[in-house]
Amino acid sequence: MHNLKDIRKNLEHFKKKLSNRKSDINFDILIKLDKENRDFIQKKEILEQEKKSLSKTRKEENFEKSKKISEELDKIIDKQLSVQEKINNLLASLPNLPLDDVPEGKDEKSNEVIRKEGKIKDFNFSIKSHFELGEKNNQIDFRTSTKLSGSRFVVLKDKIALLERALINFMIDTHTQKFKYTEISPPLLVNENIMFGTGQLPKFESDQFELKMDKNEERKFLIPTAEVVLTNLVRDSVINKKDLPIRLVAGTPCFRKEAGSYGKDTKGMIRQHQFYKVELVSIVEPDSCKKELERMLNCAESILKELNLPYRVVLLSSGDMGFSAEKTYDLEVWLPYEKKYREISSCSSCGTFQARRMKAKYKSEKESDFIGTLNGSGLAVGRLLIAILENNQNEDGSISIPSPLKKYMNNVDKI
């Protein structure tokens, strides 16, 4: 969330930076409301001072004057609060400013491929898709999941279910033991304020699964990503500077309506309403965000390298980044059946944008300021499972298990 004073002082800068950020905010209206709000505040202060002066006297004629001032004050306060609410709503829907090294552009067409890693395998037989491989032994079951829950769900069985669990354990062990992230087991339900803190609300409410609660109870949502809970662990708090950085990891189910994706990736497990993801979150000093983003990217990449999967690193354009991000790298893994790279991780720096929404600060003896937050998939489990199945398939339809996963899979060599 942005500081209105910063917008007022650097209006043209904000207009330019947000021109490709899918924001329909009218800055003229915002500035007009800001002026109205400050005028009301000034009038309120003048009336309060006048009322205070009258209260110092005991003249009877001043009682009536004081009463009229109180009535006028109430009207002005109501108007000021109404204008302030409009301002808050506009600010809440305003995305983060992209950093200067982010490519300018309206969509993914302006993204930049930074590098490609790994060797794409040449198959000397006709390859199968992940869903064909899974359905062959009835270990990926879409028919039953449709009966249970509808489209965009899946039932995994036997060794493929074990592979999913193995991937989660392998990634969490890697991030905690090798990269010193602290594992968290968080709630999967959060309230409205928590969703607002990381930027899911109010703008992206249509993407969220909201639970039906009893009347007068606060709203509750299923988490779309563990980022929501992990980042909000520092909500409404002041952290000692010496305790930074804080690095957290969680493997959780995630729930998304995928609003606006109708008709996309309906075949297979690419785009599901429920999926597992291992999420990384860093809490740092703001000046450390750029360096921490590179570190987080390296942590996510290490999983793909360990599993010997081809991938590429993509720097997203200003128009393709998430709402809260100031800079984002995507990791895209190679899927042989589709013959293309698919996103498997987004690593983003959010600067102080989320911290302002969460009221999260750090302090030292000399300074106090909003913290910097970062998040990244380390990695998306479903898509990683797809990549393993397709890249490690054999001519007979079996799947070779990568060496780092064998100890998590009872030392089996193949599925």
Protein backbone atom coordinates (compact mmCIF):
# COMPACT_ATOMS: atom_id res chain seq x y z
CA MET A 1 0.00 0.00 0.00
CA HIS A 2 1.27 3.43 -0.87
CA ASN A 3 1.66 6.54 1.27
CA LEU A 4 -0.67 9.27 -0.02
CA LYS A 5 1.96 11.91 0.74
CA ASP A 6 4.36 10.14 -1.64
CA ILE A 7 1.72 10.12 -4.38
CA ARG A 8 0.99 13.80 -3.81
CA LYS A 9 4.68 14.72 -4.08
CA ASN A 10 5.51 12.41 -7.00
CA LEU A 11 2.26 12.23 -8.94
CA GLU A 12 3.77 12.00 -12.45
CA HIS A 13 6.22 9.31 -11.28
CA PHE A 14 3.33 7.19 -9.96
CA LYS A 15 1.33 7.69 -13.16
CA LYS A 16 4.27 6.59 -15.30
CA LYS A 17 5.24 3.61 -13.14
CA LEU A 18 1.68 2.29 -12.93
CA SER A 19 0.77 2.88 -16.57
CA ASN A 20 1.30 -0.82 -17.39
CA ARG A 21 0.18 -2.29 -14.08
CA LYS A 22 -3.45 -3.09 -14.94
CA SER A 23 -4.67 -0.34 -12.65
CA ASP A 24 -7.78 1.63 -13.57
CA ILE A 25 -7.37 4.19 -10.81
CA ASN A 26 -8.16 7.81 -11.70
CA PHE A 27 -5.40 9.86 -10.08
CA ASP A 28 -7.31 13.10 -10.68
CA ILE A 29 -10.14 11.79 -8.51
CA LEU A 30 -7.66 10.64 -5.86
CA ILE A 31 -5.96 14.04 -5.71
CA LYS A 32 -9.33 15.81 -5.60
CA LEU A 33 -10.46 13.62 -2.72
CA ASP A 34 -7.15 14.21 -0.96
CA LYS A 35 -7.67 17.99 -1.18
CA GLU A 36 -11.24 17.68 0.09
CA ASN A 37 -10.07 15.52 2.96
CA ARG A 38 -7.37 17.97 4.03
CA ASP A 39 -9.83 20.87 3.78
CA PHE A 40 -12.30 19.06 6.05
CA ILE A 41 -9.52 18.26 8.53
CA GLN A 42 -8.48 21.91 8.57
CA LYS A 43 -12.08 23.09 9.12
CA LYS A 44 -12.49 20.52 11.87
CA GLU A 45 -9.35 21.75 13.65
CA ILE A 46 -10.48 25.39 13.42
CA LEU A 47 -13.91 24.56 14.87
CA GLU A 48 -12.40 22.46 17.63
CA GLN A 49 -10.12 25.32 18.57
CA GLU A 50 -13.03 27.75 18.53
CA LYS A 51 -15.11 25.45 20.71
CA LYS A 52 -12.20 25.05 23.12
CA SER A 53 -11.88 28.85 23.44
CA LEU A 54 -15.61 29.21 24.14
CA SER A 55 -15.46 26.54 26.82
CA LYS A 56 -12.99 28.63 28.78
CA THR A 57 -15.61 31.30 29.33
CA ARG A 58 -18.75 30.96 31.41
CA LYS A 59 -20.87 33.41 29.44
CA GLU A 60 -24.36 32.08 28.87
CA GLU A 61 -24.52 33.29 25.24
CA ASN A 62 -21.51 31.08 24.41
CA PHE A 63 -23.39 27.91 25.33
CA GLU A 64 -25.59 28.24 22.26
CA LYS A 65 -22.61 29.06 20.07
CA SER A 66 -20.80 25.99 21.37
CA LYS A 67 -23.83 23.82 20.63
CA LYS A 68 -24.00 25.06 17.03
CA ILE A 69 -20.27 24.46 16.58
CA SER A 70 -20.70 20.89 17.87
CA GLU A 71 -23.48 20.26 15.35
CA GLU A 72 -21.34 21.64 12.53
CA LEU A 73 -18.39 19.58 13.74
CA ASP A 74 -20.44 16.38 13.59
CA LYS A 75 -21.41 17.12 9.97
CA ILE A 76 -17.82 17.86 8.96
CA ILE A 77 -16.50 14.75 10.71
CA ASP A 78 -19.07 12.59 8.89
CA LYS A 79 -18.08 14.13 5.54
CA GLN A 80 -14.37 13.76 6.28
CA LEU A 81 -14.74 10.11 7.26
CA SER A 82 -16.72 9.43 4.08
CA VAL A 83 -14.01 11.01 1.92
CA GLN A 84 -11.27 9.19 3.85
CA GLU A 85 -13.01 5.87 3.20
CA LYS A 86 -13.08 6.59 -0.54
CA ILE A 87 -9.37 7.45 -0.44
CA ASN A 88 -8.55 4.26 1.47
CA ASN A 89 -10.49 2.16 -1.05
CA LEU A 90 -8.60 3.71 -3.95
CA LEU A 91 -5.22 3.24 -2.25
CA ALA A 92 -6.07 -0.37 -1.37
CA SER A 93 -6.63 -1.19 -5.06
CA LEU A 94 -3.40 0.45 -6.24
CA PRO A 95 -0.63 -2.06 -7.15
CA ASN A 96 3.02 -1.80 -6.15
CA LEU A 97 5.50 0.28 -8.16
CA PRO A 98 7.87 -1.77 -10.35
CA LEU A 99 11.60 -1.28 -9.79
CA ASP A 100 13.64 0.51 -12.46
CA ASP A 101 15.20 -2.72 -13.79
CA VAL A 102 11.80 -4.33 -14.44
CA PRO A 103 10.98 -4.46 -18.20
CA GLU A 104 8.17 -2.11 -19.18
CA GLY A 105 5.22 -3.78 -20.86
CA LYS A 106 1.53 -4.60 -20.59
CA ASP A 107 1.75 -8.40 -20.47
CA GLU A 108 3.94 -11.51 -20.78
CA LYS A 109 5.06 -10.49 -24.27
CA SER A 110 7.48 -8.04 -22.66
CA ASN A 111 9.00 -10.60 -20.26
CA GLU A 112 12.74 -11.25 -20.59
CA VAL A 113 14.29 -14.72 -20.60
CA ILE A 114 17.39 -14.36 -18.41
CA ARG A 115 18.88 -17.82 -18.95
CA LYS A 116 18.14 -21.48 -19.63
CA GLU A 117 19.49 -24.32 -17.51
CA GLY A 118 19.68 -28.09 -18.00
CA LYS A 119 19.57 -30.27 -21.08
CA ILE A 120 16.27 -31.09 -22.77
CA LYS A 121 16.09 -34.87 -23.21
CA ASP A 122 15.66 -36.45 -26.64
CA PHE A 123 13.19 -39.33 -26.47
CA ASN A 124 13.49 -42.11 -29.04
CA PHE A 125 9.87 -43.17 -28.50
CA SER A 126 6.44 -41.56 -28.57
CA ILE A 127 6.10 -39.76 -25.24
CA LYS A 128 2.95 -39.62 -23.11
CA SER A 129 1.40 -36.80 -21.11
CA HIS A 130 1.39 -36.88 -17.30
CA PHE A 131 -2.31 -37.76 -17.26
CA GLU A 132 -1.83 -40.61 -19.72
CA LEU A 133 1.04 -41.96 -17.62
CA GLY A 134 -1.02 -41.68 -14.42
CA GLU A 135 -4.22 -43.11 -15.86
CA LYS A 136 -2.28 -46.09 -17.27
CA ASN A 137 -2.07 -47.66 -13.79
CA ASN A 138 -5.08 -45.80 -12.37
CA GLN A 139 -2.83 -43.68 -10.14
CA ILE A 140 -4.14 -40.32 -11.41
CA ASP A 141 -7.95 -40.42 -11.24
CA PHE A 142 -9.95 -37.51 -12.66
CA ARG A 143 -13.26 -39.39 -12.99
CA THR A 144 -13.57 -40.02 -9.26
CA SER A 145 -12.44 -36.50 -8.33
CA THR A 146 -15.12 -35.05 -10.63
CA LYS A 147 -17.75 -37.10 -8.81
CA LEU A 148 -16.41 -35.93 -5.46
CA SER A 149 -15.70 -32.25 -6.10
CA GLY A 150 -16.25 -31.26 -9.72
CA SER A 151 -13.72 -30.19 -12.34
CA ARG A 152 -10.13 -29.08 -11.61
CA PHE A 153 -9.58 -31.57 -8.80
CA VAL A 154 -7.66 -34.85 -8.83
CA VAL A 155 -7.30 -38.06 -6.81
CA LEU A 156 -3.74 -39.41 -6.66
CA LYS A 157 -3.14 -43.02 -5.64
CA ASP A 158 -0.42 -45.43 -4.61
CA LYS A 159 3.10 -44.55 -5.82
CA ILE A 160 2.12 -41.23 -7.42
CA ALA A 161 0.49 -40.13 -4.16
CA LEU A 162 3.72 -41.18 -2.46
CA LEU A 163 5.71 -39.18 -5.02
CA GLU A 164 3.68 -36.06 -4.21
CA ARG A 165 4.46 -36.46 -0.51
CA ALA A 166 8.10 -37.24 -1.25
CA LEU A 167 8.46 -34.00 -3.21
CA ILE A 168 7.06 -31.95 -0.32
CA ASN A 169 9.39 -33.60 2.20
CA PHE A 170 12.41 -33.31 -0.08
CA MET A 171 11.84 -29.61 -0.70
CA ILE A 172 11.19 -28.71 2.92
CA ASP A 173 14.26 -30.66 4.04
CA THR A 174 16.35 -28.87 1.41
CA HIS A 175 15.14 -25.40 2.37
CA THR A 176 15.45 -25.95 6.13
CA GLN A 177 18.73 -27.89 6.21
CA LYS A 178 20.61 -26.35 3.29
CA PHE A 179 19.22 -22.81 3.23
CA LYS A 180 18.25 -22.40 6.91
CA TYR A 181 14.57 -21.53 6.48
CA THR A 182 12.40 -22.16 9.53
CA GLU A 183 9.56 -24.61 8.90
CA ILE A 184 6.06 -23.44 9.82
CA SER A 185 2.82 -25.42 9.96
CA PRO A 186 0.23 -22.64 9.57
CA PRO A 187 -3.59 -22.43 9.63
CA LEU A 188 -5.28 -22.90 6.27
CA LEU A 189 -8.14 -20.53 7.15
CA VAL A 190 -7.54 -16.81 7.59
CA ASN A 191 -9.66 -13.75 8.19
CA GLU A 192 -10.31 -10.77 5.95
CA ASN A 193 -7.57 -8.60 7.46
CA ILE A 194 -4.92 -11.23 6.76
CA MET A 195 -5.98 -11.48 3.10
CA PHE A 196 -5.85 -7.69 2.86
CA GLY A 197 -2.36 -7.59 4.34
CA THR A 198 -0.71 -9.45 1.47
CA GLY A 199 -2.89 -7.93 -1.25
CA GLN A 200 -5.43 -10.68 -2.04
CA LEU A 201 -8.25 -8.38 -0.91
CA PRO A 202 -10.08 -6.33 -1.94
CA LYS A 203 -9.07 -6.41 -5.61
CA PHE A 204 -8.88 -10.19 -6.12
CA GLU A 205 -11.85 -11.31 -4.05
CA SER A 206 -13.30 -13.22 -7.02
CA ASP A 207 -10.24 -15.54 -7.01
CA GLN A 208 -10.72 -16.61 -3.40
CA PHE A 209 -12.68 -19.42 -1.76
CA GLU A 210 -14.69 -17.88 1.08
CA LEU A 211 -16.34 -20.05 3.73
CA LYS A 212 -19.97 -19.62 4.64
CA MET A 213 -19.97 -18.51 8.28
CA ASP A 214 -22.72 -17.92 10.83
CA LYS A 215 -24.18 -14.44 10.91
CA ASN A 216 -22.08 -11.75 12.57
CA GLU A 217 -18.92 -13.88 12.41
CA GLU A 218 -15.87 -12.45 10.71
CA ARG A 219 -15.23 -13.54 7.13
CA LYS A 220 -12.95 -16.54 6.62
CA PHE A 221 -11.03 -17.61 3.50
CA LEU A 222 -9.10 -20.70 2.44
CA ILE A 223 -5.52 -19.65 1.76
CA PRO A 224 -4.56 -19.28 -1.93
CA THR A 225 -0.90 -19.66 -0.90
CA ALA A 226 1.03 -20.04 2.36
CA GLU A 227 2.55 -16.61 1.61
CA VAL A 228 -0.64 -15.12 3.10
CA VAL A 229 -0.10 -16.71 6.51
CA LEU A 230 3.69 -16.67 6.67
CA THR A 231 4.01 -12.98 5.78
CA ASN A 232 1.27 -11.98 8.21
CA LEU A 233 3.10 -13.65 11.11
CA VAL A 234 4.77 -10.25 11.61
CA ARG A 235 1.52 -8.27 11.28
CA ASP A 236 1.02 -5.42 13.78
CA SER A 237 4.47 -5.90 15.24
CA VAL A 238 7.82 -4.16 15.59
CA ILE A 239 10.77 -6.49 15.03
CA ASN A 240 14.22 -5.88 16.42
CA LYS A 241 16.63 -5.21 13.57
CA LYS A 242 19.12 -7.75 14.96
CA ASP A 243 16.50 -10.51 14.44
CA LEU A 244 16.42 -9.92 10.68
CA PRO A 245 16.40 -11.61 8.26
CA ILE A 246 13.56 -13.98 9.08
CA ARG A 247 13.20 -16.83 6.57
CA LEU A 248 10.17 -19.14 6.68
CA VAL A 249 8.99 -22.18 4.70
CA ALA A 250 5.71 -24.12 4.67
CA GLY A 251 4.24 -26.93 2.60
CA THR A 252 0.47 -26.51 2.44
CA PRO A 253 -2.59 -27.13 0.33
CA CYS A 254 -3.61 -24.01 -1.62
CA PHE A 255 -7.08 -23.12 -2.90
CA ARG A 256 -7.91 -20.88 -5.87
CA LYS A 257 -11.03 -20.35 -7.93
CA GLU A 258 -8.90 -19.58 -10.99
CA ALA A 259 -11.38 -16.85 -11.93
CA GLY A 260 -10.84 -15.69 -15.49
CA SER A 261 -9.11 -18.92 -16.54
CA TYR A 262 -12.22 -20.61 -17.95
CA GLY A 263 -11.26 -23.01 -20.71
CA LYS A 264 -7.51 -22.83 -19.94
CA ASP A 265 -5.56 -26.00 -19.13
CA THR A 266 -8.69 -28.05 -18.48
CA LYS A 267 -6.89 -31.31 -19.29
CA GLY A 268 -4.66 -32.76 -16.60
CA MET A 269 -3.22 -31.23 -13.43
CA ILE A 270 -1.79 -27.94 -14.71
CA ARG A 271 -4.48 -25.65 -13.27
CA GLN A 272 -6.30 -26.99 -10.22
CA HIS A 273 -8.62 -25.50 -7.58
CA GLN A 274 -6.67 -27.37 -4.87
CA PHE A 275 -2.94 -28.06 -5.00
CA TYR A 276 0.11 -28.36 -2.76
CA LYS A 277 2.89 -25.81 -2.76
CA VAL A 278 6.07 -25.31 -0.76
CA GLU A 279 6.29 -21.58 -0.08
CA LEU A 280 9.27 -19.43 0.91
CA VAL A 281 8.90 -16.07 2.70
CA SER A 282 11.62 -13.65 3.79
CA ILE A 283 11.30 -10.69 6.16
CA VAL A 284 14.26 -8.31 5.76
CA GLU A 285 15.43 -4.73 5.95
CA PRO A 286 14.10 -2.86 2.89
CA ASP A 287 17.61 -2.20 1.53
CA SER A 288 18.23 -5.96 1.48
CA CYS A 289 15.26 -6.85 -0.74
CA LYS A 290 17.19 -6.99 -4.03
CA LYS A 291 19.91 -9.23 -2.62
CA GLU A 292 17.38 -11.45 -0.85
CA LEU A 293 15.40 -11.89 -4.07
CA GLU A 294 18.48 -13.30 -5.81
CA ARG A 295 19.08 -15.63 -2.84
CA MET A 296 15.47 -16.85 -2.87
CA LEU A 297 15.65 -17.47 -6.61
CA ASN A 298 18.79 -19.56 -6.07
CA CYS A 299 17.02 -21.61 -3.37
CA ALA A 300 14.09 -22.37 -5.68
CA GLU A 301 16.40 -23.16 -8.61
CA SER A 302 18.38 -25.63 -6.51
CA ILE A 303 15.36 -27.96 -6.38
CA LEU A 304 15.18 -28.15 -10.18
CA LYS A 305 18.94 -28.67 -10.42
CA GLU A 306 18.89 -31.46 -7.82
CA LEU A 307 16.12 -33.22 -9.75
CA ASN A 308 17.92 -32.68 -13.07
CA LEU A 309 14.97 -30.89 -14.71
CA PRO A 310 15.49 -28.40 -17.58
CA TYR A 311 14.18 -24.93 -16.84
CA ARG A 312 14.53 -21.25 -17.63
CA VAL A 313 14.55 -18.05 -15.58
CA VAL A 314 12.24 -15.25 -16.74
CA LEU A 315 12.15 -11.64 -15.52
CA LEU A 316 8.53 -10.49 -15.61
CA SER A 317 7.44 -7.22 -17.17
CA SER A 318 5.62 -4.53 -15.19
CA GLY A 319 2.28 -5.64 -16.62
CA ASP A 320 2.74 -9.35 -15.88
CA MET A 321 3.80 -9.08 -12.22
CA GLY A 322 1.53 -9.81 -9.28
CA PHE A 323 -0.32 -7.00 -7.51
CA SER A 324 2.06 -6.71 -4.52
CA ALA A 325 5.34 -7.29 -6.38
CA GLU A 326 7.98 -4.71 -7.26
CA LYS A 327 10.12 -7.29 -9.12
CA THR A 328 9.46 -10.92 -10.03
CA TYR A 329 11.41 -13.82 -11.47
CA ASP A 330 9.51 -16.82 -12.80
CA LEU A 331 11.04 -20.27 -13.00
CA GLU A 332 9.60 -22.26 -15.89
CA VAL A 333 10.18 -26.02 -16.09
CA TRP A 334 10.30 -27.93 -19.39
CA LEU A 335 7.32 -30.23 -20.06
CA PRO A 336 8.16 -32.64 -22.91
CA TYR A 337 4.58 -33.55 -23.89
CA GLU A 338 3.61 -29.90 -24.43
CA LYS A 339 7.06 -29.09 -25.79
CA LYS A 340 7.19 -25.87 -23.82
CA TYR A 341 8.24 -24.31 -20.52
CA ARG A 342 5.63 -23.90 -17.78
CA GLU A 343 5.75 -21.68 -14.70
CA ILE A 344 6.62 -23.63 -11.56
CA SER A 345 7.70 -20.76 -9.29
CA SER A 346 7.37 -17.00 -8.94
CA CYS A 347 9.89 -15.29 -6.65
CA SER A 348 8.92 -11.71 -5.83
CA SER A 349 10.20 -8.78 -3.85
CA CYS A 350 7.37 -6.65 -2.47
CA GLY A 351 9.52 -3.97 -0.81
CA THR A 352 7.55 -2.29 1.98
CA PHE A 353 4.22 -2.55 0.11
CA GLN A 354 2.77 -5.42 2.16
CA ALA A 355 4.34 -4.18 5.38
CA ARG A 356 2.39 -0.92 5.15
CA ARG A 357 -0.84 -2.89 4.76
CA MET A 358 0.12 -5.13 7.71
CA LYS A 359 1.60 -2.33 9.87
CA ALA A 360 4.79 -4.33 10.28
CA LYS A 361 7.99 -2.49 11.21
CA TYR A 362 11.53 -3.10 12.43
CA LYS A 363 13.56 -0.97 14.81
CA SER A 364 17.10 -0.37 16.00
CA GLU A 365 18.58 2.17 18.38
CA LYS A 366 18.77 4.74 15.57
CA GLU A 367 15.85 3.98 13.24
CA SER A 368 12.39 2.54 12.78
CA ASP A 369 10.79 1.75 9.45
CA PHE A 370 8.57 -0.66 7.57
CA ILE A 371 10.09 -4.08 6.87
CA GLY A 372 10.68 -5.56 3.42
CA THR A 373 8.86 -8.76 2.42
CA LEU A 374 9.56 -11.37 -0.25
CA ASN A 375 7.85 -14.58 -1.28
CA GLY A 376 8.46 -17.41 -3.70
CA SER A 377 7.32 -20.90 -4.58
CA GLY A 378 9.93 -23.39 -3.66
CA LEU A 379 8.22 -25.12 -5.62
CA ALA A 380 4.64 -25.77 -6.81
CA VAL A 381 4.24 -29.48 -6.05
CA GLY A 382 1.67 -30.44 -8.69
CA ARG A 383 3.62 -28.99 -11.58
CA LEU A 384 6.85 -30.44 -10.24
CA LEU A 385 5.18 -33.85 -10.12
CA ILE A 386 4.09 -33.39 -13.75
CA ALA A 387 7.64 -32.47 -14.75
CA ILE A 388 9.05 -35.55 -13.00
CA LEU A 389 6.54 -37.88 -14.66
CA GLU A 390 7.04 -36.51 -18.16
CA ASN A 391 10.81 -35.96 -18.11
CA ASN A 392 11.58 -39.33 -16.47
CA GLN A 393 9.21 -41.57 -18.43
CA ASN A 394 10.40 -44.75 -20.09
CA GLU A 395 9.18 -46.44 -23.25
CA ASP A 396 7.15 -49.00 -21.27
CA GLY A 397 5.28 -46.20 -19.46
CA SER A 398 7.19 -46.54 -16.19
CA ILE A 399 8.71 -43.53 -14.42
CA SER A 400 12.31 -43.51 -13.16
CA ILE A 401 12.65 -41.94 -9.71
CA PRO A 402 15.36 -39.22 -9.41
CA SER A 403 18.09 -40.20 -6.94
CA PRO A 404 17.38 -37.45 -4.34
CA LEU A 405 13.78 -38.71 -3.98
CA LYS A 406 14.47 -42.42 -3.50
CA LYS A 407 14.96 -42.23 0.26
CA TYR A 408 11.56 -40.53 0.49
CA MET A 409 9.96 -43.29 -1.62
CA ASN A 410 11.08 -46.41 0.22
CA ASN A 411 14.03 -46.70 -2.20
CA VAL A 412 11.92 -47.72 -5.19
CA ASP A 413 13.59 -47.09 -8.54
CA LYS A 414 10.50 -46.85 -10.71
CA ILE A 415 6.76 -46.28 -10.67
